Amino acid sequence: WKGGITSENERLRKSIKFSLWRESVFARDNWTCQKCKNDKGGNLHPHHIKNFSDFPELRFAIDNGITFCKECHGKFHKKYGTYHNDYNQIKKFLDDEITK
């Protein structure tokens, strides 16, 4: 506990603006993982193409988001890490054959 101080990152990710961004990304992607095409409710994760922390001006840009399921989101970050991600990594990840 930090004396009631919420980090800027946590505050933004719990904001209405983030919720609207998340819902807009999911709707644009037809509520479907763009990697494996899973469309099970409650299993979807919004992913920032250019990192949330590195590109504050793109945090709520809908074209800076993509829908992944929980499993594919984990696979993406396992392969490419959690920092300095970009569009080329997304493209390569989507083009890679799905391995379960």
PDB file of N, CA and C in Angstrom:
ATOM      1  N   TRP A   1       0.836  -1.173   0.000  1.00  0.00           N
ATOM      2  CA  TRP A   1       0.000   0.000   0.000  1.00  0.00           C
ATOM      3  C   TRP A   1       0.873   1.226   0.000  1.00  0.00           C
ATOM      4  N   LYS A   2       0.518   2.242  -0.789  1.00  0.00           N
ATOM      5  CA  LYS A   2       1.341   3.443  -0.928  1.00  0.00           C
ATOM      6  C   LYS A   2       0.648   4.682  -0.366  1.00  0.00           C
ATOM      7  N   GLY A   3      -0.080   4.489   0.728  1.00  0.00           N
ATOM      8  CA  GLY A   3      -0.721   5.633   1.358  1.00  0.00           C
ATOM      9  C   GLY A   3      -1.868   6.215   0.557  1.00  0.00           C
ATOM     10  N   GLY A   4      -2.526   5.381  -0.237  1.00  0.00           N
ATOM     11  CA  GLY A   4      -3.664   5.850  -1.020  1.00  0.00           C
ATOM     12  C   GLY A   4      -3.289   6.499  -2.337  1.00  0.00           C
ATOM     13  N   ILE A   5      -2.025   6.441  -2.704  1.00  0.00           N
ATOM     14  CA  ILE A   5      -1.576   7.047  -3.960  1.00  0.00           C
ATOM     15  C   ILE A   5      -1.705   6.009  -5.074  1.00  0.00           C
ATOM     16  N   THR A   6      -2.444   6.351  -6.103  1.00  0.00           N
ATOM     17  CA  THR A   6      -2.611   5.470  -7.258  1.00  0.00           C
ATOM     18  C   THR A   6      -1.644   5.922  -8.343  1.00  0.00           C
ATOM     19  N   SER A   7      -0.930   4.961  -8.934  1.00  0.00           N
ATOM     20  CA  SER A   7       0.008   5.328  -9.992  1.00  0.00           C
ATOM     21  C   SER A   7      -0.762   5.903 -11.183  1.00  0.00           C
ATOM     22  N   GLU A   8      -0.101   6.749 -11.935  1.00  0.00           N
ATOM     23  CA  GLU A   8      -0.701   7.354 -13.135  1.00  0.00           C
ATOM     24  C   GLU A   8      -1.142   6.263 -14.110  1.00  0.00           C
ATOM     25  N   ASN A   9      -0.309   5.263 -14.303  1.00  0.00           N
ATOM     26  CA  ASN A   9      -0.612   4.156 -15.195  1.00  0.00           C
ATOM     27  C   ASN A   9      -1.901   3.450 -14.767  1.00  0.00           C
ATOM     28  N   GLU A  10      -1.994   3.108 -13.504  1.00  0.00           N
ATOM     29  CA  GLU A  10      -3.168   2.404 -12.982  1.00  0.00           C
ATOM     30  C   GLU A  10      -4.417   3.287 -13.085  1.00  0.00           C
ATOM     31  N   ARG A  11      -4.276   4.563 -12.774  1.00  0.00           N
ATOM     32  CA  ARG A  11      -5.402   5.490 -12.844  1.00  0.00           C
ATOM     33  C   ARG A  11      -5.933   5.586 -14.277  1.00  0.00           C
ATOM     34  N   LEU A  12      -5.033   5.691 -15.253  1.00  0.00           N
ATOM     35  CA  LEU A  12      -5.451   5.789 -16.650  1.00  0.00           C
ATOM     36  C   LEU A  12      -6.106   4.499 -17.134  1.00  0.00           C
ATOM     37  N   ARG A  13      -5.560   3.360 -16.738  1.00  0.00           N
ATOM     38  CA  ARG A  13      -6.103   2.070 -17.190  1.00  0.00           C
ATOM     39  C   ARG A  13      -7.469   1.762 -16.558  1.00  0.00           C
ATOM     40  N   LYS A  14      -7.813   2.456 -15.492  1.00  0.00           N
ATOM     41  CA  LYS A  14      -9.124   2.270 -14.865  1.00  0.00           C
ATOM     42  C   LYS A  14     -10.097   3.389 -15.235  1.00  0.00           C
ATOM     43  N   SER A  15      -9.696   4.237 -16.159  1.00  0.00           N
ATOM     44  CA  SER A  15     -10.516   5.391 -16.516  1.00  0.00           C
ATOM     45  C   SER A  15     -11.605   5.029 -17.531  1.00  0.00           C
ATOM     46  N   ILE A  16     -12.589   5.900 -17.610  1.00  0.00           N
ATOM     47  CA  ILE A  16     -13.655   5.758 -18.608  1.00  0.00           C
ATOM     48  C   ILE A  16     -13.060   5.831 -20.012  1.00  0.00           C
ATOM     49  N   LYS A  17     -12.105   6.708 -20.196  1.00  0.00           N
ATOM     50  CA  LYS A  17     -11.478   6.875 -21.509  1.00  0.00           C
ATOM     51  C   LYS A  17     -10.833   5.556 -21.968  1.00  0.00           C
ATOM     52  N   PHE A  18     -10.157   4.858 -21.052  1.00  0.00           N
ATOM     53  CA  PHE A  18      -9.544   3.569 -21.391  1.00  0.00           C
ATOM     54  C   PHE A  18     -10.630   2.538 -21.705  1.00  0.00           C
ATOM     55  N   SER A  19     -11.701   2.513 -20.907  1.00  0.00           N
ATOM     56  CA  SER A  19     -12.797   1.572 -21.143  1.00  0.00           C
ATOM     57  C   SER A  19     -13.420   1.787 -22.516  1.00  0.00           C
ATOM     58  N   LEU A  20     -13.609   3.047 -22.887  1.00  0.00           N
ATOM     59  CA  LEU A  20     -14.173   3.351 -24.197  1.00  0.00           C
ATOM     60  C   LEU A  20     -13.222   2.939 -25.317  1.00  0.00           C
ATOM     61  N   TRP A  21     -11.918   3.165 -25.121  1.00  0.00           N
ATOM     62  CA  TRP A  21     -10.915   2.733 -26.108  1.00  0.00           C
ATOM     63  C   TRP A  21     -10.965   1.221 -26.270  1.00  0.00           C
ATOM     64  N   ARG A  22     -10.973   0.523 -25.161  1.00  0.00           N
ATOM     65  CA  ARG A  22     -11.000  -0.943 -25.153  1.00  0.00           C
ATOM     66  C   ARG A  22     -12.228  -1.468 -25.904  1.00  0.00           C
ATOM     67  N   GLU A  23     -13.401  -0.944 -25.569  1.00  0.00           N
ATOM     68  CA  GLU A  23     -14.644  -1.372 -26.215  1.00  0.00           C
ATOM     69  C   GLU A  23     -14.618  -1.054 -27.711  1.00  0.00           C
ATOM     70  N   SER A  24     -14.062   0.077 -28.087  1.00  0.00           N
ATOM     71  CA  SER A  24     -13.986   0.472 -29.498  1.00  0.00           C
ATOM     72  C   SER A  24     -13.062  -0.459 -30.284  1.00  0.00           C
ATOM     73  N   VAL A  25     -11.944  -0.840 -29.683  1.00  0.00           N
ATOM     74  CA  VAL A  25     -11.022  -1.782 -30.340  1.00  0.00           C
ATOM     75  C   VAL A  25     -11.712  -3.130 -30.520  1.00  0.00           C
ATOM     76  N   PHE A  26     -12.359  -3.622 -29.468  1.00  0.00           N
ATOM     77  CA  PHE A  26     -13.071  -4.903 -29.560  1.00  0.00           C
ATOM     78  C   PHE A  26     -14.161  -4.845 -30.637  1.00  0.00           C
ATOM     79  N   ALA A  27     -14.942  -3.783 -30.657  1.00  0.00           N
ATOM     80  CA  ALA A  27     -16.025  -3.658 -31.636  1.00  0.00           C
ATOM     81  C   ALA A  27     -15.463  -3.628 -33.062  1.00  0.00           C
ATOM     82  N   ARG A  28     -14.414  -2.836 -33.270  1.00  0.00           N
ATOM     83  CA  ARG A  28     -13.815  -2.761 -34.601  1.00  0.00           C
ATOM     84  C   ARG A  28     -13.343  -4.134 -35.071  1.00  0.00           C
ATOM     85  N   ASP A  29     -12.806  -4.936 -34.132  1.00  0.00           N
ATOM     86  CA  ASP A  29     -12.281  -6.266 -34.457  1.00  0.00           C
ATOM     87  C   ASP A  29     -13.342  -7.361 -34.342  1.00  0.00           C
ATOM     88  N   ASN A  30     -14.615  -6.932 -34.271  1.00  0.00           N
ATOM     89  CA  ASN A  30     -15.745  -7.857 -34.219  1.00  0.00           C
ATOM     90  C   ASN A  30     -15.661  -8.812 -33.033  1.00  0.00           C
ATOM     91  N   TRP A  31     -15.153  -8.313 -31.912  1.00  0.00           N
ATOM     92  CA  TRP A  31     -15.082  -9.092 -30.670  1.00  0.00           C
ATOM     93  C   TRP A  31     -14.397 -10.439 -30.904  1.00  0.00           C
ATOM     94  N   THR A  32     -13.289 -10.407 -31.689  1.00  0.00           N
ATOM     95  CA  THR A  32     -12.597 -11.633 -32.091  1.00  0.00           C
ATOM     96  C   THR A  32     -11.097 -11.429 -32.010  1.00  0.00           C
ATOM     97  N   CYS A  33     -10.383 -12.421 -31.468  1.00  0.00           N
ATOM     98  CA  CYS A  33      -8.919 -12.385 -31.449  1.00  0.00           C
ATOM     99  C   CYS A  33      -8.421 -12.330 -32.885  1.00  0.00           C
ATOM    100  N   GLN A  34      -7.553 -11.404 -33.160  1.00  0.00           N
ATOM    101  CA  GLN A  34      -7.058 -11.225 -34.511  1.00  0.00           C
ATOM    102  C   GLN A  34      -5.971 -12.226 -34.888  1.00  0.00           C
ATOM    103  N   LYS A  35      -5.532 -13.027 -33.930  1.00  0.00           N
ATOM    104  CA  LYS A  35      -4.545 -14.077 -34.189  1.00  0.00           C
ATOM    105  C   LYS A  35      -5.228 -15.415 -34.433  1.00  0.00           C
ATOM    106  N   CYS A  36      -5.971 -15.909 -33.464  1.00  0.00           N
ATOM    107  CA  CYS A  36      -6.529 -17.273 -33.548  1.00  0.00           C
ATOM    108  C   CYS A  36      -8.018 -17.290 -33.877  1.00  0.00           C
ATOM    109  N   LYS A  37      -8.629 -16.100 -33.947  1.00  0.00           N
ATOM    110  CA  LYS A  37     -10.053 -15.931 -34.276  1.00  0.00           C
ATOM    111  C   LYS A  37     -10.994 -16.405 -33.170  1.00  0.00           C
ATOM    112  N   ASN A  38     -10.489 -16.559 -31.946  1.00  0.00           N
ATOM    113  CA  ASN A  38     -11.314 -16.900 -30.790  1.00  0.00           C
ATOM    114  C   ASN A  38     -12.262 -15.734 -30.519  1.00  0.00           C
ATOM    115  N   ASP A  39     -13.528 -16.049 -30.308  1.00  0.00           N
ATOM    116  CA  ASP A  39     -14.490 -14.983 -30.012  1.00  0.00           C
ATOM    117  C   ASP A  39     -15.261 -15.263 -28.728  1.00  0.00           C
ATOM    118  N   LYS A  40     -14.645 -15.983 -27.810  1.00  0.00           N
ATOM    119  CA  LYS A  40     -15.276 -16.297 -26.530  1.00  0.00           C
ATOM    120  C   LYS A  40     -15.290 -15.058 -25.637  1.00  0.00           C
ATOM    121  N   GLY A  41     -16.457 -14.701 -25.162  1.00  0.00           N
ATOM    122  CA  GLY A  41     -16.587 -13.548 -24.284  1.00  0.00           C
ATOM    123  C   GLY A  41     -15.782 -13.707 -23.005  1.00  0.00           C
ATOM    124  N   GLY A  42     -15.270 -12.621 -22.495  1.00  0.00           N
ATOM    125  CA  GLY A  42     -14.507 -12.630 -21.248  1.00  0.00           C
ATOM    126  C   GLY A  42     -13.074 -13.090 -21.403  1.00  0.00           C
ATOM    127  N   ASN A  43     -12.689 -13.491 -22.615  1.00  0.00           N
ATOM    128  CA  ASN A  43     -11.349 -14.004 -22.860  1.00  0.00           C
ATOM    129  C   ASN A  43     -10.509 -13.018 -23.675  1.00  0.00           C
ATOM    130  N   LEU A  44     -11.072 -11.873 -24.019  1.00  0.00           N
ATOM    131  CA  LEU A  44     -10.394 -10.933 -24.905  1.00  0.00           C
ATOM    132  C   LEU A  44      -9.588  -9.894 -24.139  1.00  0.00           C
ATOM    133  N   HIS A  45      -8.462  -9.526 -24.738  1.00  0.00           N
ATOM    134  CA  HIS A  45      -7.572  -8.514 -24.177  1.00  0.00           C
ATOM    135  C   HIS A  45      -7.287  -7.469 -25.245  1.00  0.00           C
ATOM    136  N   PRO A  46      -7.356  -6.194 -24.901  1.00  0.00           N
ATOM    137  CA  PRO A  46      -6.925  -5.169 -25.852  1.00  0.00           C
ATOM    138  C   PRO A  46      -5.409  -5.027 -25.739  1.00  0.00           C
ATOM    139  N   HIS A  47      -4.734  -4.926 -26.865  1.00  0.00           N
ATOM    140  CA  HIS A  47      -3.278  -4.784 -26.860  1.00  0.00           C
ATOM    141  C   HIS A  47      -2.912  -3.498 -27.577  1.00  0.00           C
ATOM    142  N   HIS A  48      -2.052  -2.695 -26.957  1.00  0.00           N
ATOM    143  CA  HIS A  48      -1.538  -1.484 -27.605  1.00  0.00           C
ATOM    144  C   HIS A  48      -0.437  -1.895 -28.584  1.00  0.00           C
ATOM    145  N   ILE A  49      -0.558  -1.488 -29.833  1.00  0.00           N
ATOM    146  CA  ILE A  49       0.451  -1.821 -30.840  1.00  0.00           C
ATOM    147  C   ILE A  49       1.749  -1.092 -30.512  1.00  0.00           C
ATOM    148  N   LYS A  50       1.664   0.195 -30.266  1.00  0.00           N
ATOM    149  CA  LYS A  50       2.804   0.953 -29.750  1.00  0.00           C
ATOM    150  C   LYS A  50       2.533   1.139 -28.268  1.00  0.00           C
ATOM    151  N   ASN A  51       3.520   0.825 -27.452  1.00  0.00           N
ATOM    152  CA  ASN A  51       3.356   0.728 -26.005  1.00  0.00           C
ATOM    153  C   ASN A  51       2.663   1.920 -25.350  1.00  0.00           C
ATOM    154  N   PHE A  52       1.816   1.579 -24.390  1.00  0.00           N
ATOM    155  CA  PHE A  52       1.084   2.532 -23.563  1.00  0.00           C
ATOM    156  C   PHE A  52       2.053   3.514 -22.905  1.00  0.00           C
ATOM    157  N   SER A  53       3.149   2.995 -22.358  1.00  0.00           N
ATOM    158  CA  SER A  53       4.075   3.859 -21.616  1.00  0.00           C
ATOM    159  C   SER A  53       4.988   4.676 -22.527  1.00  0.00           C
ATOM    160  N   ASP A  54       5.345   4.142 -23.681  1.00  0.00           N
ATOM    161  CA  ASP A  54       6.273   4.833 -24.581  1.00  0.00           C
ATOM    162  C   ASP A  54       5.605   5.885 -25.459  1.00  0.00           C
ATOM    163  N   PHE A  55       4.302   5.741 -25.703  1.00  0.00           N
ATOM    164  CA  PHE A  55       3.590   6.621 -26.618  1.00  0.00           C
ATOM    165  C   PHE A  55       2.305   7.155 -25.981  1.00  0.00           C
ATOM    166  N   PRO A  56       2.449   8.063 -25.006  1.00  0.00           N
ATOM    167  CA  PRO A  56       1.261   8.566 -24.308  1.00  0.00           C
ATOM    168  C   PRO A  56       0.249   9.230 -25.248  1.00  0.00           C
ATOM    169  N   GLU A  57       0.721   9.786 -26.350  1.00  0.00           N
ATOM    170  CA  GLU A  57      -0.191  10.440 -27.293  1.00  0.00           C
ATOM    171  C   GLU A  57      -1.047   9.438 -28.070  1.00  0.00           C
ATOM    172  N   LEU A  58      -0.677   8.149 -28.042  1.00  0.00           N
ATOM    173  CA  LEU A  58      -1.428   7.107 -28.758  1.00  0.00           C
ATOM    174  C   LEU A  58      -2.215   6.191 -27.829  1.00  0.00           C
ATOM    175  N   ARG A  59      -2.243   6.497 -26.546  1.00  0.00           N
ATOM    176  CA  ARG A  59      -2.887   5.610 -25.572  1.00  0.00           C
ATOM    177  C   ARG A  59      -4.341   5.324 -25.896  1.00  0.00           C
ATOM    178  N   PHE A  60      -5.048   6.295 -26.418  1.00  0.00           N
ATOM    179  CA  PHE A  60      -6.477   6.124 -26.652  1.00  0.00           C
ATOM    180  C   PHE A  60      -6.835   6.215 -28.130  1.00  0.00           C
ATOM    181  N   ALA A  61      -5.826   6.023 -28.998  1.00  0.00           N
ATOM    182  CA  ALA A  61      -6.066   5.975 -30.445  1.00  0.00           C
ATOM    183  C   ALA A  61      -6.525   4.564 -30.802  1.00  0.00           C
ATOM    184  N   ILE A  62      -7.700   4.461 -31.373  1.00  0.00           N
ATOM    185  CA  ILE A  62      -8.261   3.147 -31.678  1.00  0.00           C
ATOM    186  C   ILE A  62      -7.365   2.375 -32.650  1.00  0.00           C
ATOM    187  N   ASP A  63      -6.739   3.069 -33.595  1.00  0.00           N
ATOM    188  CA  ASP A  63      -5.872   2.366 -34.542  1.00  0.00           C
ATOM    189  C   ASP A  63      -4.544   1.936 -33.919  1.00  0.00           C
ATOM    190  N   ASN A  64      -4.333   2.250 -32.649  1.00  0.00           N
ATOM    191  CA  ASN A  64      -3.165   1.762 -31.916  1.00  0.00           C
ATOM    192  C   ASN A  64      -3.525   0.567 -31.033  1.00  0.00           C
ATOM    193  N   GLY A  65      -4.648  -0.060 -31.305  1.00  0.00           N
ATOM    194  CA  GLY A  65      -5.059  -1.222 -30.527  1.00  0.00           C
ATOM    195  C   GLY A  65      -5.405  -2.386 -31.421  1.00  0.00           C
ATOM    196  N   ILE A  66      -5.300  -3.579 -30.852  1.00  0.00           N
ATOM    197  CA  ILE A  66      -5.694  -4.800 -31.546  1.00  0.00           C
ATOM    198  C   ILE A  66      -6.252  -5.760 -30.495  1.00  0.00           C
ATOM    199  N   THR A  67      -7.193  -6.585 -30.912  1.00  0.00           N
ATOM    200  CA  THR A  67      -7.815  -7.534 -29.999  1.00  0.00           C
ATOM    201  C   THR A  67      -7.099  -8.872 -30.056  1.00  0.00           C
ATOM    202  N   PHE A  68      -6.674  -9.348 -28.888  1.00  0.00           N
ATOM    203  CA  PHE A  68      -6.120 -10.695 -28.735  1.00  0.00           C
ATOM    204  C   PHE A  68      -6.921 -11.421 -27.670  1.00  0.00           C
ATOM    205  N   CYS A  69      -6.935 -12.747 -27.733  1.00  0.00           N
ATOM    206  CA  CYS A  69      -7.455 -13.522 -26.610  1.00  0.00           C
ATOM    207  C   CYS A  69      -6.350 -13.569 -25.557  1.00  0.00           C
ATOM    208  N   LYS A  70      -6.678 -14.012 -24.378  1.00  0.00           N
ATOM    209  CA  LYS A  70      -5.711 -14.070 -23.280  1.00  0.00           C
ATOM    210  C   LYS A  70      -4.478 -14.881 -23.685  1.00  0.00           C
ATOM    211  N   GLU A  71      -4.704 -16.035 -24.313  1.00  0.00           N
ATOM    212  CA  GLU A  71      -3.585 -16.917 -24.682  1.00  0.00           C
ATOM    213  C   GLU A  71      -2.676 -16.276 -25.730  1.00  0.00           C
ATOM    214  N   CYS A  72      -3.250 -15.710 -26.781  1.00  0.00           N
ATOM    215  CA  CYS A  72      -2.434 -15.085 -27.822  1.00  0.00           C
ATOM    216  C   CYS A  72      -1.720 -13.839 -27.305  1.00  0.00           C
ATOM    217  N   HIS A  73      -2.370 -13.086 -26.424  1.00  0.00           N
ATOM    218  CA  HIS A  73      -1.730 -11.912 -25.827  1.00  0.00           C
ATOM    219  C   HIS A  73      -0.483 -12.342 -25.046  1.00  0.00           C
ATOM    220  N   GLY A  74      -0.618 -13.411 -24.275  1.00  0.00           N
ATOM    221  CA  GLY A  74       0.529 -13.940 -23.540  1.00  0.00           C
ATOM    222  C   GLY A  74       1.635 -14.412 -24.468  1.00  0.00           C
ATOM    223  N   LYS A  75       1.261 -15.075 -25.553  1.00  0.00           N
ATOM    224  CA  LYS A  75       2.263 -15.559 -26.527  1.00  0.00           C
ATOM    225  C   LYS A  75       2.998 -14.402 -27.183  1.00  0.00           C
ATOM    226  N   PHE A  76       2.251 -13.318 -27.503  1.00  0.00           N
ATOM    227  CA  PHE A  76       2.884 -12.156 -28.104  1.00  0.00           C
ATOM    228  C   PHE A  76       3.952 -11.592 -27.180  1.00  0.00           C
ATOM    229  N   HIS A  77       3.593 -11.387 -25.910  1.00  0.00           N
ATOM    230  CA  HIS A  77       4.546 -10.787 -24.973  1.00  0.00           C
ATOM    231  C   HIS A  77       5.690 -11.749 -24.634  1.00  0.00           C
ATOM    232  N   LYS A  78       5.446 -13.037 -24.659  1.00  0.00           N
ATOM    233  CA  LYS A  78       6.519 -14.002 -24.429  1.00  0.00           C
ATOM    234  C   LYS A  78       7.538 -13.921 -25.562  1.00  0.00           C
ATOM    235  N   LYS A  79       7.049 -13.743 -26.780  1.00  0.00           N
ATOM    236  CA  LYS A  79       7.936 -13.689 -27.945  1.00  0.00           C
ATOM    237  C   LYS A  79       8.642 -12.337 -28.086  1.00  0.00           C
ATOM    238  N   TYR A  80       7.910 -11.228 -27.836  1.00  0.00           N
ATOM    239  CA  TYR A  80       8.452  -9.896 -28.111  1.00  0.00           C
ATOM    240  C   TYR A  80       8.708  -9.035 -26.877  1.00  0.00           C
ATOM    241  N   GLY A  81       8.415  -9.544 -25.710  1.00  0.00           N
ATOM    242  CA  GLY A  81       8.613  -8.754 -24.499  1.00  0.00           C
ATOM    243  C   GLY A  81       7.463  -7.778 -24.292  1.00  0.00           C
ATOM    244  N   THR A  82       7.594  -6.945 -23.269  1.00  0.00           N
ATOM    245  CA  THR A  82       6.506  -6.017 -22.934  1.00  0.00           C
ATOM    246  C   THR A  82       6.841  -4.553 -23.204  1.00  0.00           C
ATOM    247  N   TYR A  83       8.023  -4.278 -23.703  1.00  0.00           N
ATOM    248  CA  TYR A  83       8.423  -2.897 -23.970  1.00  0.00           C
ATOM    249  C   TYR A  83       8.863  -2.730 -25.407  1.00  0.00           C
ATOM    250  N   HIS A  84       8.695  -1.530 -25.914  1.00  0.00           N
ATOM    251  CA  HIS A  84       9.162  -1.137 -27.245  1.00  0.00           C
ATOM    252  C   HIS A  84       8.557  -1.995 -28.351  1.00  0.00           C
ATOM    253  N   ASN A  85       7.279  -2.342 -28.195  1.00  0.00           N
ATOM    254  CA  ASN A  85       6.593  -3.113 -29.226  1.00  0.00           C
ATOM    255  C   ASN A  85       6.174  -2.187 -30.359  1.00  0.00           C
ATOM    256  N   ASP A  86       5.972  -2.762 -31.552  1.00  0.00           N
ATOM    257  CA  ASP A  86       5.605  -1.946 -32.703  1.00  0.00           C
ATOM    258  C   ASP A  86       4.760  -2.730 -33.705  1.00  0.00           C
ATOM    259  N   TYR A  87       4.343  -2.036 -34.751  1.00  0.00           N
ATOM    260  CA  TYR A  87       3.474  -2.606 -35.769  1.00  0.00           C
ATOM    261  C   TYR A  87       4.131  -3.799 -36.477  1.00  0.00           C
ATOM    262  N   ASN A  88       5.439  -3.726 -36.752  1.00  0.00           N
ATOM    263  CA  ASN A  88       6.124  -4.823 -37.449  1.00  0.00           C
ATOM    264  C   ASN A  88       6.057  -6.115 -36.639  1.00  0.00           C
ATOM    265  N   GLN A  89       6.158  -6.023 -35.324  1.00  0.00           N
ATOM    266  CA  GLN A  89       6.036  -7.214 -34.481  1.00  0.00           C
ATOM    267  C   GLN A  89       4.612  -7.783 -34.572  1.00  0.00           C
ATOM    268  N   ILE A  90       3.615  -6.914 -34.558  1.00  0.00           N
ATOM    269  CA  ILE A  90       2.228  -7.358 -34.681  1.00  0.00           C
ATOM    270  C   ILE A  90       2.033  -8.067 -36.017  1.00  0.00           C
ATOM    271  N   LYS A  91       2.510  -7.455 -37.096  1.00  0.00           N
ATOM    272  CA  LYS A  91       2.354  -8.047 -38.423  1.00  0.00           C
ATOM    273  C   LYS A  91       3.006  -9.421 -38.485  1.00  0.00           C
ATOM    274  N   LYS A  92       4.231  -9.533 -37.984  1.00  0.00           N
ATOM    275  CA  LYS A  92       4.931 -10.820 -38.000  1.00  0.00           C
ATOM    276  C   LYS A  92       4.192 -11.841 -37.136  1.00  0.00           C
ATOM    277  N   PHE A  93       3.737 -11.421 -35.968  1.00  0.00           N
ATOM    278  CA  PHE A  93       3.007 -12.309 -35.075  1.00  0.00           C
ATOM    279  C   PHE A  93       1.731 -12.824 -35.733  1.00  0.00           C
ATOM    280  N   LEU A  94       1.003 -11.942 -36.396  1.00  0.00           N
ATOM    281  CA  LEU A  94      -0.236 -12.349 -37.063  1.00  0.00           C
ATOM    282  C   LEU A  94       0.039 -13.260 -38.251  1.00  0.00           C
ATOM    283  N   ASP A  95       1.184 -13.065 -38.909  1.00  0.00           N
ATOM    284  CA  ASP A  95       1.533 -13.893 -40.065  1.00  0.00           C
ATOM    285  C   ASP A  95       2.082 -15.251 -39.686  1.00  0.00           C
ATOM    286  N   ASP A  96       2.643 -15.354 -38.465  1.00  0.00           N
ATOM    287  CA  ASP A  96       3.202 -16.639 -38.004  1.00  0.00           C
ATOM    288  C   ASP A  96       2.087 -17.668 -37.912  1.00  0.00           C
ATOM    289  N   GLU A  97       2.425 -18.909 -38.221  1.00  0.00           N
ATOM    290  CA  GLU A  97       1.459 -19.982 -38.104  1.00  0.00           C
ATOM    291  C   GLU A  97       1.054 -20.146 -36.648  1.00  0.00           C
ATOM    292  N   ILE A  98      -0.212 -20.402 -36.426  1.00  0.00           N
ATOM    293  CA  ILE A  98      -0.726 -20.597 -35.066  1.00  0.00           C
ATOM    294  C   ILE A  98      -0.222 -21.936 -34.534  1.00  0.00           C
ATOM    295  N   THR A  99       0.391 -21.875 -33.356  1.00  0.00           N
ATOM    296  CA  THR A  99       0.820 -23.110 -32.690  1.00  0.00           C
ATOM    297  C   THR A  99       0.131 -23.171 -31.351  1.00  0.00           C
ATOM    298  N   LYS A 100      -0.535 -24.258 -31.080  1.00  0.00           N
ATOM    299  CA  LYS A 100      -1.261 -24.412 -29.817  1.00  0.00           C
ATOM    300  C   LYS A 100      -0.475 -25.282 -28.873  1.00  0.00           C
TER     301      LYS A 100
END
